[in-house]
Amino acid sequence: MRKVLNTLQSTWLSARNVTEDTVYTCVGHPLRADIDSILTRLMNEDDFGVCFKFIQDLKILKGLALGDILTEIHTKIQRVKFPPDVLISLLIKMADSEARLASGCSERSELAALIAAFHLARQQIDITAIANS
């Protein structure tokens, strides 16, 4: 409870307006809207470079860490209807990226690995759909 009160007080002192966005900004977590737009790009963008630039620019603009993005995306993809084998493969790749980040690997290379993992998952879904038809 003390942590919640401290967060609310800090948010009010810094922004004079306590909203979901100002609380997320105060504690340094990515906004839900930002995670949704990143996930949309990861799920739909065919051009690797465009996806990389979008996420990298958003990270710089908002001061986001890739580890925080990975944590939030992990929560979101649990709700996406992936085939189980595709979801497991994607989660393993994300866990590997998170472990490499924790051991000091470059965020740029791990962002590239994240985008590649989603591209591979999309290809696996396409192959599964073709095999089932």
Protein backbone atom coordinates (compact mmCIF):
# COMPACT_ATOMS: atom_id res chain seq x y z
CA MET A 1 0.00 0.00 0.00
CA ARG A 2 2.88 2.36 0.83
CA LYS A 3 4.35 1.83 -2.65
CA VAL A 4 1.04 2.72 -4.29
CA LEU A 5 0.72 5.87 -2.21
CA ASN A 6 4.30 6.89 -2.99
CA THR A 7 3.67 6.36 -6.71
CA LEU A 8 0.48 8.40 -6.66
CA GLN A 9 2.15 11.18 -4.70
CA SER A 10 5.15 11.25 -7.06
CA THR A 11 2.84 11.32 -10.06
CA TRP A 12 0.85 14.21 -8.65
CA LEU A 13 4.00 16.15 -7.77
CA SER A 14 5.50 15.69 -11.23
CA ALA A 15 2.40 16.09 -13.41
CA ARG A 16 -0.29 17.69 -11.21
CA ASN A 17 -2.70 15.31 -12.89
CA VAL A 18 -2.99 11.62 -12.00
CA THR A 19 -4.01 9.59 -15.03
CA GLU A 20 -3.04 6.17 -16.27
CA ASP A 21 -0.54 7.72 -18.69
CA THR A 22 1.09 9.97 -16.08
CA VAL A 23 1.40 7.07 -13.61
CA TYR A 24 3.03 4.84 -16.24
CA THR A 25 5.36 7.67 -17.23
CA CYS A 26 6.26 8.40 -13.59
CA VAL A 27 7.22 4.79 -12.85
CA GLY A 28 8.98 4.35 -16.18
CA HIS A 29 6.78 1.62 -17.61
CA PRO A 30 5.73 1.63 -21.27
CA LEU A 31 2.22 2.93 -21.88
CA ARG A 32 -0.38 0.37 -22.92
CA ALA A 33 -0.95 2.26 -26.16
CA ASP A 34 2.78 2.08 -26.95
CA ILE A 35 2.88 -1.67 -26.29
CA ASP A 36 -0.23 -2.14 -28.44
CA SER A 37 1.36 -0.23 -31.33
CA ILE A 38 4.62 -2.19 -30.97
CA LEU A 39 2.73 -5.49 -30.92
CA THR A 40 0.68 -4.43 -33.94
CA ARG A 41 3.88 -3.69 -35.85
CA LEU A 42 5.46 -6.98 -34.77
CA MET A 43 2.37 -8.91 -35.86
CA ASN A 44 1.69 -7.12 -39.15
CA GLU A 45 4.75 -5.29 -40.53
CA ASP A 46 6.41 -7.22 -43.35
CA ASP A 47 9.39 -4.89 -43.72
CA PHE A 48 11.97 -5.70 -41.04
CA GLY A 49 13.70 -2.31 -41.36
CA VAL A 50 10.47 -0.33 -41.01
CA CYS A 51 9.49 -2.32 -37.91
CA PHE A 52 12.95 -1.93 -36.38
CA LYS A 53 13.03 1.82 -36.99
CA PHE A 54 9.52 2.31 -35.58
CA ILE A 55 10.29 0.47 -32.33
CA GLN A 56 13.78 1.97 -31.98
CA ASP A 57 12.41 5.50 -32.50
CA LEU A 58 9.64 4.88 -29.97
CA LYS A 59 12.16 3.54 -27.45
CA ILE A 60 14.30 6.67 -27.82
CA LEU A 61 11.35 9.08 -27.81
CA LYS A 62 9.74 7.57 -24.71
CA GLY A 63 12.92 6.41 -22.96
CA LEU A 64 11.82 2.78 -22.92
CA ALA A 65 14.00 -0.21 -22.11
CA LEU A 66 13.69 -3.32 -24.25
CA GLY A 67 13.42 -5.47 -21.11
CA ASP A 68 10.28 -3.58 -20.08
CA ILE A 69 8.86 -3.91 -23.58
CA LEU A 70 9.51 -7.67 -23.53
CA THR A 71 7.76 -8.01 -20.18
CA GLU A 72 4.68 -6.15 -21.38
CA ILE A 73 4.56 -7.98 -24.73
CA HIS A 74 4.78 -11.30 -22.89
CA THR A 75 1.59 -10.41 -21.03
CA LYS A 76 -0.19 -9.30 -24.21
CA ILE A 77 0.67 -12.29 -26.40
CA GLN A 78 -0.84 -14.66 -23.87
CA ARG A 79 -4.20 -13.33 -25.09
CA VAL A 80 -3.45 -13.75 -28.81
CA LYS A 81 -4.79 -16.92 -30.41
CA PHE A 82 -1.50 -18.45 -31.54
CA PRO A 83 -1.23 -22.17 -32.23
CA PRO A 84 0.34 -23.70 -29.08
CA ASP A 85 3.60 -24.73 -30.77
CA VAL A 86 4.05 -21.26 -32.26
CA LEU A 87 3.34 -19.56 -28.92
CA ILE A 88 5.81 -21.82 -27.09
CA SER A 89 8.51 -21.16 -29.68
CA LEU A 90 7.90 -17.41 -29.50
CA LEU A 91 7.99 -17.38 -25.70
CA ILE A 92 11.26 -19.34 -25.68
CA LYS A 93 12.84 -16.86 -28.10
CA MET A 94 11.62 -13.93 -25.99
CA ALA A 95 13.01 -15.55 -22.82
CA ASP A 96 16.35 -16.07 -24.55
CA SER A 97 16.40 -12.38 -25.55
CA GLU A 98 15.60 -11.34 -22.00
CA ALA A 99 18.41 -13.55 -20.66
CA ARG A 100 20.89 -12.10 -23.17
CA LEU A 101 19.82 -8.57 -22.21
CA ALA A 102 20.39 -9.40 -18.54
CA SER A 103 23.88 -10.64 -19.35
CA GLY A 104 24.76 -7.38 -21.11
CA CYS A 105 23.92 -7.96 -24.75
CA SER A 106 23.10 -4.98 -26.98
CA GLU A 107 19.49 -3.79 -27.03
CA ARG A 108 19.75 -3.19 -30.79
CA SER A 109 20.68 -6.79 -31.52
CA GLU A 110 18.02 -8.10 -29.16
CA LEU A 111 15.39 -5.86 -30.76
CA ALA A 112 16.38 -7.39 -34.09
CA ALA A 113 16.03 -10.87 -32.53
CA LEU A 114 12.56 -9.98 -31.20
CA ILE A 115 11.39 -8.80 -34.63
CA ALA A 116 12.86 -11.91 -36.24
CA ALA A 117 11.07 -14.14 -33.71
CA PHE A 118 7.73 -12.57 -34.62
CA HIS A 119 8.47 -12.87 -38.35
CA LEU A 120 9.24 -16.54 -37.84
CA ALA A 121 6.04 -17.02 -35.79
CA ARG A 122 4.00 -15.41 -38.57
CA GLN A 123 5.62 -17.71 -41.12
CA GLN A 124 4.87 -20.74 -38.94
CA ILE A 125 1.23 -19.67 -38.70
CA ASP A 126 1.04 -19.29 -42.49
CA ILE A 127 2.59 -22.74 -43.00
CA THR A 128 0.19 -24.27 -40.45
CA ALA A 129 -2.78 -22.64 -42.18
CA ILE A 130 -1.64 -23.99 -45.57
CA ALA A 131 -1.05 -27.49 -44.16
CA ASN A 132 -4.51 -27.57 -42.56
CA SER A 133 -6.34 -26.52 -45.73
